[in-house]
Amino acid sequence: MSQSSSHNLGAEQQSTLEQNIAEPKYGERLIQEGELITFPNPRIGRRYHIQITLPEFTCKCPFSGYPDFATIYLTYIPDQRVVELKALKLYINGYRDRYISHEESVNQILDDLIVACDPLEIAVKGDFLPRGNVHTVIEAHHQK
């Protein structure tokens, strides 16, 4: 193999690598396309609680750009619709690269869940990991 062919092969590999990095991976595409999906409540008329814990929530501080990490706790009493869990996971993962405050993220999650499934009652709690010796817990509630 000539010096020139060896050099070209490296350039081709570099080009392929750059193209591969530039294209969104399947998980990233699913997150970008993600929306909250619901299905009919199998027990309409019965008041029951659904509790969901999402321990890997991340977003970015809108002031510093540093990542924020939290566990999001959802508790709701469904009415006609229930949130599908995989869609919820992808929706939550969509916050990963968003510049959003703790307060706004919890309230936006609440608003989006109200629009998606219109529950009888819902509470969203964000328990953010301490940063700079400050621990923040945000809770937002809604009731019909």
N, C-alpha and C. Protein backbone atom coordinates (compact mmCIF):
# COMPACT_ATOMS: atom_id res chain seq x y z
N MET A 1 0.86 -1.17 0.00
CA MET A 1 0.00 0.00 0.00
C MET A 1 0.90 1.22 0.00
N SER A 2 0.63 2.12 -0.88
CA SER A 2 1.46 3.32 -0.99
C SER A 2 1.17 4.27 0.15
N GLN A 3 2.07 5.19 0.35
CA GLN A 3 1.91 6.23 1.38
C GLN A 3 0.62 7.00 1.13
N SER A 4 0.34 7.30 -0.12
CA SER A 4 -0.84 8.07 -0.48
C SER A 4 -2.13 7.31 -0.14
N SER A 5 -2.18 5.99 -0.45
CA SER A 5 -3.36 5.19 -0.15
C SER A 5 -3.60 5.09 1.34
N SER A 6 -2.54 4.93 2.10
CA SER A 6 -2.65 4.85 3.55
C SER A 6 -3.20 6.15 4.12
N HIS A 7 -2.73 7.26 3.57
CA HIS A 7 -3.20 8.57 4.04
C HIS A 7 -4.67 8.76 3.69
N ASN A 8 -5.08 8.35 2.48
CA ASN A 8 -6.47 8.48 2.06
C ASN A 8 -7.40 7.62 2.92
N LEU A 9 -6.95 6.42 3.26
CA LEU A 9 -7.76 5.56 4.09
C LEU A 9 -8.02 6.23 5.43
N GLY A 10 -7.02 6.87 5.99
CA GLY A 10 -7.19 7.59 7.25
C GLY A 10 -8.19 8.72 7.09
N ALA A 11 -8.12 9.43 5.99
CA ALA A 11 -9.05 10.53 5.74
C ALA A 11 -10.47 10.01 5.57
N GLU A 12 -10.61 8.86 4.89
CA GLU A 12 -11.94 8.26 4.72
C GLU A 12 -12.52 7.83 6.06
N GLN A 13 -11.68 7.22 6.89
CA GLN A 13 -12.14 6.81 8.21
C GLN A 13 -12.53 8.04 9.04
N GLN A 14 -11.73 9.10 8.93
CA GLN A 14 -12.03 10.32 9.67
C GLN A 14 -13.36 10.91 9.20
N SER A 15 -13.59 10.90 7.89
CA SER A 15 -14.83 11.43 7.34
C SER A 15 -16.03 10.61 7.83
N THR A 16 -15.88 9.28 7.82
CA THR A 16 -16.95 8.40 8.30
C THR A 16 -17.23 8.66 9.77
N LEU A 17 -16.17 8.81 10.55
CA LEU A 17 -16.32 9.07 11.98
C LEU A 17 -17.04 10.40 12.21
N GLU A 18 -16.64 11.44 11.48
CA GLU A 18 -17.28 12.75 11.63
C GLU A 18 -18.75 12.69 11.24
N GLN A 19 -19.05 11.95 10.17
CA GLN A 19 -20.44 11.82 9.74
C GLN A 19 -21.24 11.06 10.80
N ASN A 20 -20.65 10.00 11.35
CA ASN A 20 -21.31 9.21 12.37
C ASN A 20 -21.59 10.04 13.61
N ILE A 21 -20.67 10.89 14.00
CA ILE A 21 -20.85 11.74 15.17
C ILE A 21 -21.93 12.79 14.91
N ALA A 22 -21.98 13.32 13.69
CA ALA A 22 -22.93 14.39 13.36
C ALA A 22 -24.37 13.89 13.29
N GLU A 23 -24.56 12.63 12.91
CA GLU A 23 -25.91 12.09 12.78
C GLU A 23 -26.43 11.69 14.16
N PRO A 24 -27.66 12.06 14.48
CA PRO A 24 -28.22 11.65 15.77
C PRO A 24 -28.33 10.12 15.86
N LYS A 25 -28.03 9.59 17.02
CA LYS A 25 -28.17 8.16 17.27
C LYS A 25 -29.66 7.84 17.45
N TYR A 26 -30.01 6.56 17.38
CA TYR A 26 -31.43 6.20 17.45
C TYR A 26 -32.07 6.68 18.74
N GLY A 27 -31.36 6.61 19.86
CA GLY A 27 -31.92 7.09 21.12
C GLY A 27 -32.15 8.58 21.11
N GLU A 28 -31.21 9.31 20.52
CA GLU A 28 -31.37 10.77 20.42
C GLU A 28 -32.55 11.13 19.53
N ARG A 29 -32.74 10.37 18.45
CA ARG A 29 -33.90 10.62 17.57
C ARG A 29 -35.20 10.35 18.31
N LEU A 30 -35.25 9.27 19.07
CA LEU A 30 -36.46 8.96 19.83
C LEU A 30 -36.77 10.05 20.85
N ILE A 31 -35.73 10.57 21.49
CA ILE A 31 -35.92 11.65 22.47
C ILE A 31 -36.44 12.90 21.76
N GLN A 32 -35.83 13.25 20.62
CA GLN A 32 -36.26 14.44 19.87
C GLN A 32 -37.70 14.31 19.40
N GLU A 33 -38.08 13.12 18.99
CA GLU A 33 -39.43 12.89 18.47
C GLU A 33 -40.43 12.65 19.60
N GLY A 34 -39.91 12.46 20.80
CA GLY A 34 -40.75 12.04 21.92
C GLY A 34 -41.84 13.02 22.28
N GLU A 35 -42.99 12.48 22.57
CA GLU A 35 -44.11 13.26 23.07
C GLU A 35 -44.83 12.38 24.07
N LEU A 36 -45.56 12.99 24.95
CA LEU A 36 -46.30 12.23 25.94
C LEU A 36 -47.46 11.51 25.27
N ILE A 37 -47.48 10.22 25.42
CA ILE A 37 -48.53 9.37 24.85
C ILE A 37 -49.37 8.86 26.01
N THR A 38 -50.66 8.77 25.80
CA THR A 38 -51.55 8.26 26.84
C THR A 38 -52.40 7.12 26.28
N PHE A 39 -53.02 6.40 27.19
CA PHE A 39 -53.96 5.35 26.79
C PHE A 39 -55.15 5.41 27.75
N PRO A 40 -56.27 4.78 27.37
CA PRO A 40 -57.47 4.86 28.22
C PRO A 40 -57.23 4.25 29.61
N ASN A 41 -57.74 4.93 30.61
CA ASN A 41 -57.68 4.44 31.98
C ASN A 41 -58.49 3.14 32.06
N PRO A 42 -57.87 2.04 32.49
CA PRO A 42 -58.61 0.78 32.54
C PRO A 42 -59.63 0.71 33.68
N ARG A 43 -59.58 1.67 34.61
CA ARG A 43 -60.51 1.67 35.75
C ARG A 43 -61.11 3.05 35.97
N ILE A 44 -61.77 3.56 34.94
CA ILE A 44 -62.44 4.86 35.05
C ILE A 44 -63.47 4.78 36.17
N GLY A 45 -63.51 5.81 36.99
CA GLY A 45 -64.45 5.84 38.10
C GLY A 45 -63.84 5.40 39.42
N ARG A 46 -62.74 4.68 39.37
CA ARG A 46 -62.06 4.28 40.59
C ARG A 46 -60.92 5.26 40.85
N ARG A 47 -60.89 5.82 42.05
CA ARG A 47 -59.81 6.73 42.42
C ARG A 47 -58.62 5.90 42.90
N TYR A 48 -57.56 5.93 42.14
CA TYR A 48 -56.33 5.24 42.55
C TYR A 48 -55.15 6.12 42.19
N HIS A 49 -54.07 5.96 42.93
CA HIS A 49 -52.86 6.75 42.72
C HIS A 49 -51.87 6.00 41.85
N ILE A 50 -51.25 6.73 40.96
CA ILE A 50 -50.12 6.22 40.18
C ILE A 50 -48.91 7.01 40.65
N GLN A 51 -47.89 6.29 41.11
CA GLN A 51 -46.65 6.93 41.56
C GLN A 51 -45.52 6.49 40.65
N ILE A 52 -44.79 7.46 40.14
CA ILE A 52 -43.68 7.20 39.22
C ILE A 52 -42.46 7.95 39.72
N THR A 53 -41.32 7.26 39.75
CA THR A 53 -40.06 7.88 40.13
C THR A 53 -39.14 7.87 38.92
N LEU A 54 -38.57 9.03 38.61
CA LEU A 54 -37.64 9.18 37.48
C LEU A 54 -36.31 9.67 38.06
N PRO A 55 -35.39 8.74 38.39
CA PRO A 55 -34.18 9.10 39.13
C PRO A 55 -33.05 9.69 38.30
N GLU A 56 -33.21 9.79 36.99
CA GLU A 56 -32.09 10.25 36.15
C GLU A 56 -32.39 11.54 35.41
N PHE A 57 -33.19 12.42 35.98
CA PHE A 57 -33.52 13.68 35.33
C PHE A 57 -32.29 14.58 35.29
N THR A 58 -32.04 15.17 34.13
CA THR A 58 -30.98 16.17 34.00
C THR A 58 -31.47 17.32 33.14
N CYS A 59 -30.95 18.49 33.43
CA CYS A 59 -31.16 19.68 32.62
C CYS A 59 -29.93 20.55 32.82
N LYS A 60 -29.91 21.70 32.21
CA LYS A 60 -28.78 22.62 32.36
C LYS A 60 -29.23 23.91 33.02
N CYS A 61 -28.40 24.41 33.92
CA CYS A 61 -28.69 25.68 34.57
C CYS A 61 -28.71 26.78 33.52
N PRO A 62 -29.77 27.59 33.47
CA PRO A 62 -29.84 28.65 32.46
C PRO A 62 -28.87 29.79 32.73
N PHE A 63 -28.27 29.83 33.89
CA PHE A 63 -27.34 30.91 34.23
C PHE A 63 -25.89 30.49 34.05
N SER A 64 -25.54 29.29 34.53
CA SER A 64 -24.14 28.85 34.46
C SER A 64 -23.88 27.88 33.32
N GLY A 65 -24.90 27.17 32.88
CA GLY A 65 -24.72 26.13 31.88
C GLY A 65 -24.31 24.80 32.48
N TYR A 66 -24.08 24.76 33.80
CA TYR A 66 -23.71 23.51 34.46
C TYR A 66 -24.90 22.56 34.47
N PRO A 67 -24.63 21.25 34.46
CA PRO A 67 -25.74 20.30 34.52
C PRO A 67 -26.35 20.26 35.91
N ASP A 68 -27.66 20.08 35.95
CA ASP A 68 -28.39 19.85 37.19
C ASP A 68 -28.96 18.44 37.13
N PHE A 69 -28.95 17.77 38.26
CA PHE A 69 -29.43 16.39 38.35
C PHE A 69 -30.52 16.33 39.40
N ALA A 70 -31.56 15.55 39.12
CA ALA A 70 -32.66 15.45 40.07
C ALA A 70 -33.36 14.11 39.94
N THR A 71 -34.11 13.80 40.97
CA THR A 71 -35.09 12.73 40.90
C THR A 71 -36.45 13.41 40.83
N ILE A 72 -37.22 13.02 39.83
CA ILE A 72 -38.56 13.57 39.67
C ILE A 72 -39.56 12.52 40.17
N TYR A 73 -40.46 12.98 41.03
CA TYR A 73 -41.51 12.12 41.57
C TYR A 73 -42.85 12.61 41.04
N LEU A 74 -43.60 11.71 40.42
CA LEU A 74 -44.94 12.03 39.92
C LEU A 74 -45.95 11.20 40.70
N THR A 75 -46.99 11.82 41.15
CA THR A 75 -48.11 11.11 41.77
C THR A 75 -49.37 11.71 41.18
N TYR A 76 -50.20 10.85 40.60
CA TYR A 76 -51.45 11.39 40.05
C TYR A 76 -52.59 10.40 40.19
N ILE A 77 -53.79 10.96 40.19
CA ILE A 77 -55.02 10.18 40.16
C ILE A 77 -55.58 10.37 38.75
N PRO A 78 -55.59 9.32 37.94
CA PRO A 78 -56.03 9.49 36.56
C PRO A 78 -57.54 9.70 36.46
N ASP A 79 -57.92 10.34 35.38
CA ASP A 79 -59.34 10.46 35.04
C ASP A 79 -59.59 9.52 33.86
N GLN A 80 -59.62 10.04 32.65
CA GLN A 80 -59.91 9.23 31.46
C GLN A 80 -58.67 8.59 30.84
N ARG A 81 -57.49 9.21 31.06
CA ARG A 81 -56.27 8.79 30.36
C ARG A 81 -55.14 8.53 31.36
N VAL A 82 -54.21 7.63 30.96
CA VAL A 82 -53.03 7.29 31.75
C VAL A 82 -51.80 7.50 30.86
N VAL A 83 -50.72 7.98 31.44
CA VAL A 83 -49.49 8.24 30.69
C VAL A 83 -48.74 6.93 30.44
N GLU A 84 -48.30 6.74 29.21
CA GLU A 84 -47.51 5.57 28.83
C GLU A 84 -46.07 5.80 29.31
N LEU A 85 -45.48 4.80 29.96
CA LEU A 85 -44.21 5.00 30.67
C LEU A 85 -43.00 5.20 29.77
N LYS A 86 -42.90 4.47 28.67
CA LYS A 86 -41.74 4.67 27.79
C LYS A 86 -41.77 6.08 27.21
N ALA A 87 -42.93 6.53 26.81
CA ALA A 87 -43.06 7.89 26.27
C ALA A 87 -42.70 8.92 27.34
N LEU A 88 -43.09 8.66 28.58
CA LEU A 88 -42.73 9.56 29.68
C LEU A 88 -41.23 9.61 29.87
N LYS A 89 -40.59 8.46 29.82
CA LYS A 89 -39.13 8.39 29.96
C LYS A 89 -38.45 9.22 28.88
N LEU A 90 -38.88 9.05 27.63
CA LEU A 90 -38.28 9.80 26.53
C LEU A 90 -38.55 11.29 26.67
N TYR A 91 -39.74 11.65 27.09
CA TYR A 91 -40.08 13.06 27.33
C TYR A 91 -39.14 13.65 28.38
N ILE A 92 -38.96 12.96 29.49
CA ILE A 92 -38.07 13.44 30.56
C ILE A 92 -36.64 13.54 30.06
N ASN A 93 -36.19 12.57 29.27
CA ASN A 93 -34.83 12.62 28.72
C ASN A 93 -34.63 13.83 27.81
N GLY A 94 -35.71 14.36 27.26
CA GLY A 94 -35.64 15.54 26.40
C GLY A 94 -35.19 16.80 27.13
N TYR A 95 -35.20 16.78 28.45
CA TYR A 95 -34.74 17.93 29.22
C TYR A 95 -33.22 17.98 29.34
N ARG A 96 -32.55 16.93 28.98
CA ARG A 96 -31.11 16.78 29.19
C ARG A 96 -30.29 17.97 28.69
N ASP A 97 -30.61 18.49 27.54
CA ASP A 97 -29.83 19.58 26.95
C ASP A 97 -30.55 20.93 27.02
N ARG A 98 -31.63 20.99 27.78
CA ARG A 98 -32.39 22.25 27.89
C ARG A 98 -31.83 23.12 29.01
N TYR A 99 -31.73 24.40 28.72
CA TYR A 99 -31.36 25.39 29.74
C TYR A 99 -32.65 25.83 30.42
N ILE A 100 -32.86 25.34 31.64
CA ILE A 100 -34.13 25.58 32.33
C ILE A 100 -33.90 25.52 33.83
N SER A 101 -34.57 26.39 34.55
CA SER A 101 -34.41 26.43 36.01
C SER A 101 -35.12 25.25 36.66
N HIS A 102 -34.76 24.99 37.90
CA HIS A 102 -35.44 23.93 38.67
C HIS A 102 -36.94 24.21 38.71
N GLU A 103 -37.26 25.45 39.03
CA GLU A 103 -38.67 25.84 39.19
C GLU A 103 -39.45 25.66 37.89
N GLU A 104 -38.87 26.13 36.80
CA GLU A 104 -39.57 26.05 35.51
C GLU A 104 -39.68 24.61 35.04
N SER A 105 -38.65 23.80 35.25
CA SER A 105 -38.71 22.42 34.77
C SER A 105 -39.84 21.65 35.46
N VAL A 106 -39.95 21.78 36.78
CA VAL A 106 -41.01 21.06 37.50
C VAL A 106 -42.39 21.56 37.06
N ASN A 107 -42.55 22.87 36.93
CA ASN A 107 -43.84 23.41 36.51
C ASN A 107 -44.17 23.06 35.07
N GLN A 108 -43.17 23.00 34.19
CA GLN A 108 -43.42 22.63 32.79
C GLN A 108 -43.83 21.17 32.69
N ILE A 109 -43.17 20.31 33.46
CA ILE A 109 -43.55 18.89 33.48
C ILE A 109 -45.00 18.76 33.93
N LEU A 110 -45.36 19.48 34.98
CA LEU A 110 -46.75 19.46 35.47
C LEU A 110 -47.71 19.92 34.37
N ASP A 111 -47.42 21.05 33.75
CA ASP A 111 -48.29 21.58 32.70
C ASP A 111 -48.46 20.58 31.56
N ASP A 112 -47.36 19.97 31.12
CA ASP A 112 -47.42 19.03 30.00
C ASP A 112 -48.22 17.78 30.35
N LEU A 113 -48.08 17.31 31.59
CA LEU A 113 -48.85 16.14 32.01
C LEU A 113 -50.34 16.45 32.11
N ILE A 114 -50.67 17.66 32.55
CA ILE A 114 -52.08 18.07 32.62
C ILE A 114 -52.68 18.07 31.21
N VAL A 115 -51.95 18.63 30.25
CA VAL A 115 -52.44 18.66 28.87
C VAL A 115 -52.57 17.24 28.31
N ALA A 116 -51.59 16.38 28.60
CA ALA A 116 -51.58 15.04 28.02
C ALA A 116 -52.68 14.14 28.57
N CYS A 117 -52.88 14.15 29.89
CA CYS A 117 -53.81 13.15 30.44
C CYS A 117 -54.92 13.72 31.33
N ASP A 118 -54.92 15.03 31.59
CA ASP A 118 -55.99 15.69 32.33
C ASP A 118 -56.40 14.91 33.58
N PRO A 119 -55.44 14.69 34.51
CA PRO A 119 -55.75 13.89 35.70
C PRO A 119 -56.66 14.61 36.67
N LEU A 120 -57.29 13.84 37.56
CA LEU A 120 -58.11 14.44 38.61
C LEU A 120 -57.23 15.24 39.56
N GLU A 121 -56.10 14.66 39.93
CA GLU A 121 -55.11 15.33 40.78
C GLU A 121 -53.73 14.90 40.31
N ILE A 122 -52.77 15.80 40.49
CA ILE A 122 -51.39 15.47 40.14
C ILE A 122 -50.43 16.32 40.96
N ALA A 123 -49.32 15.71 41.34
CA ALA A 123 -48.24 16.41 42.01
C ALA A 123 -46.93 16.01 41.34
N VAL A 124 -46.09 16.99 41.10
CA VAL A 124 -44.75 16.75 40.55
C VAL A 124 -43.76 17.34 41.53
N LYS A 125 -42.78 16.53 41.90
CA LYS A 125 -41.75 16.96 42.84
C LYS A 125 -40.39 16.73 42.19
N GLY A 126 -39.55 17.75 42.21
CA GLY A 126 -38.18 17.64 41.73
C GLY A 126 -37.23 17.78 42.90
N ASP A 127 -36.49 16.73 43.19
CA ASP A 127 -35.50 16.73 44.28
C ASP A 127 -34.12 16.82 43.63
N PHE A 128 -33.58 18.03 43.59
CA PHE A 128 -32.33 18.30 42.87
C PHE A 128 -31.12 18.05 43.77
N LEU A 129 -30.10 17.45 43.18
CA LEU A 129 -28.87 17.21 43.93
C LEU A 129 -28.26 18.54 44.35
N PRO A 130 -27.63 18.58 45.52
CA PRO A 130 -27.02 19.84 45.96
C PRO A 130 -25.92 20.30 45.01
N ARG A 131 -25.87 21.59 44.84
CA ARG A 131 -24.78 22.22 44.10
C ARG A 131 -24.43 23.49 44.86
N GLY A 132 -23.14 23.66 45.16
CA GLY A 132 -22.72 24.83 45.91
C GLY A 132 -23.32 24.85 47.30
N ASN A 133 -23.48 23.66 47.88
CA ASN A 133 -24.01 23.51 49.24
C ASN A 133 -25.48 23.92 49.35
N VAL A 134 -26.21 23.92 48.24
CA VAL A 134 -27.63 24.27 48.25
C VAL A 134 -28.43 23.10 47.68
N HIS A 135 -29.37 22.62 48.47
CA HIS A 135 -30.25 21.52 48.06
C HIS A 135 -31.64 22.10 47.80
N THR A 136 -32.18 21.83 46.62
CA THR A 136 -33.47 22.39 46.23
C THR A 136 -34.49 21.28 45.99
N VAL A 137 -35.68 21.47 46.53
CA VAL A 137 -36.81 20.59 46.26
C VAL A 137 -37.96 21.48 45.81
N ILE A 138 -38.49 21.21 44.63
CA ILE A 138 -39.60 21.98 44.07
C ILE A 138 -40.80 21.05 43.96
N GLU A 139 -41.96 21.51 44.42
CA GLU A 139 -43.19 20.74 44.30
C GLU A 139 -44.27 21.61 43.66
N ALA A 140 -44.99 21.02 42.72
CA ALA A 140 -46.10 21.72 42.07
C ALA A 140 -47.30 20.77 42.04
N HIS A 141 -48.49 21.32 42.23
CA HIS A 141 -49.70 20.51 42.35
C HIS A 141 -50.82 21.07 41.46
N HIS A 142 -51.73 20.18 41.10
CA HIS A 142 -52.92 20.58 40.34
C HIS A 142 -54.06 19.66 40.75
N GLN A 143 -55.26 20.23 40.83
CA GLN A 143 -56.45 19.44 41.14
C GLN A 143 -57.61 20.00 40.35
N LYS A 144 -58.44 19.11 39.80
CA LYS A 144 -59.63 19.55 39.06
C LYS A 144 -60.65 20.10 40.02
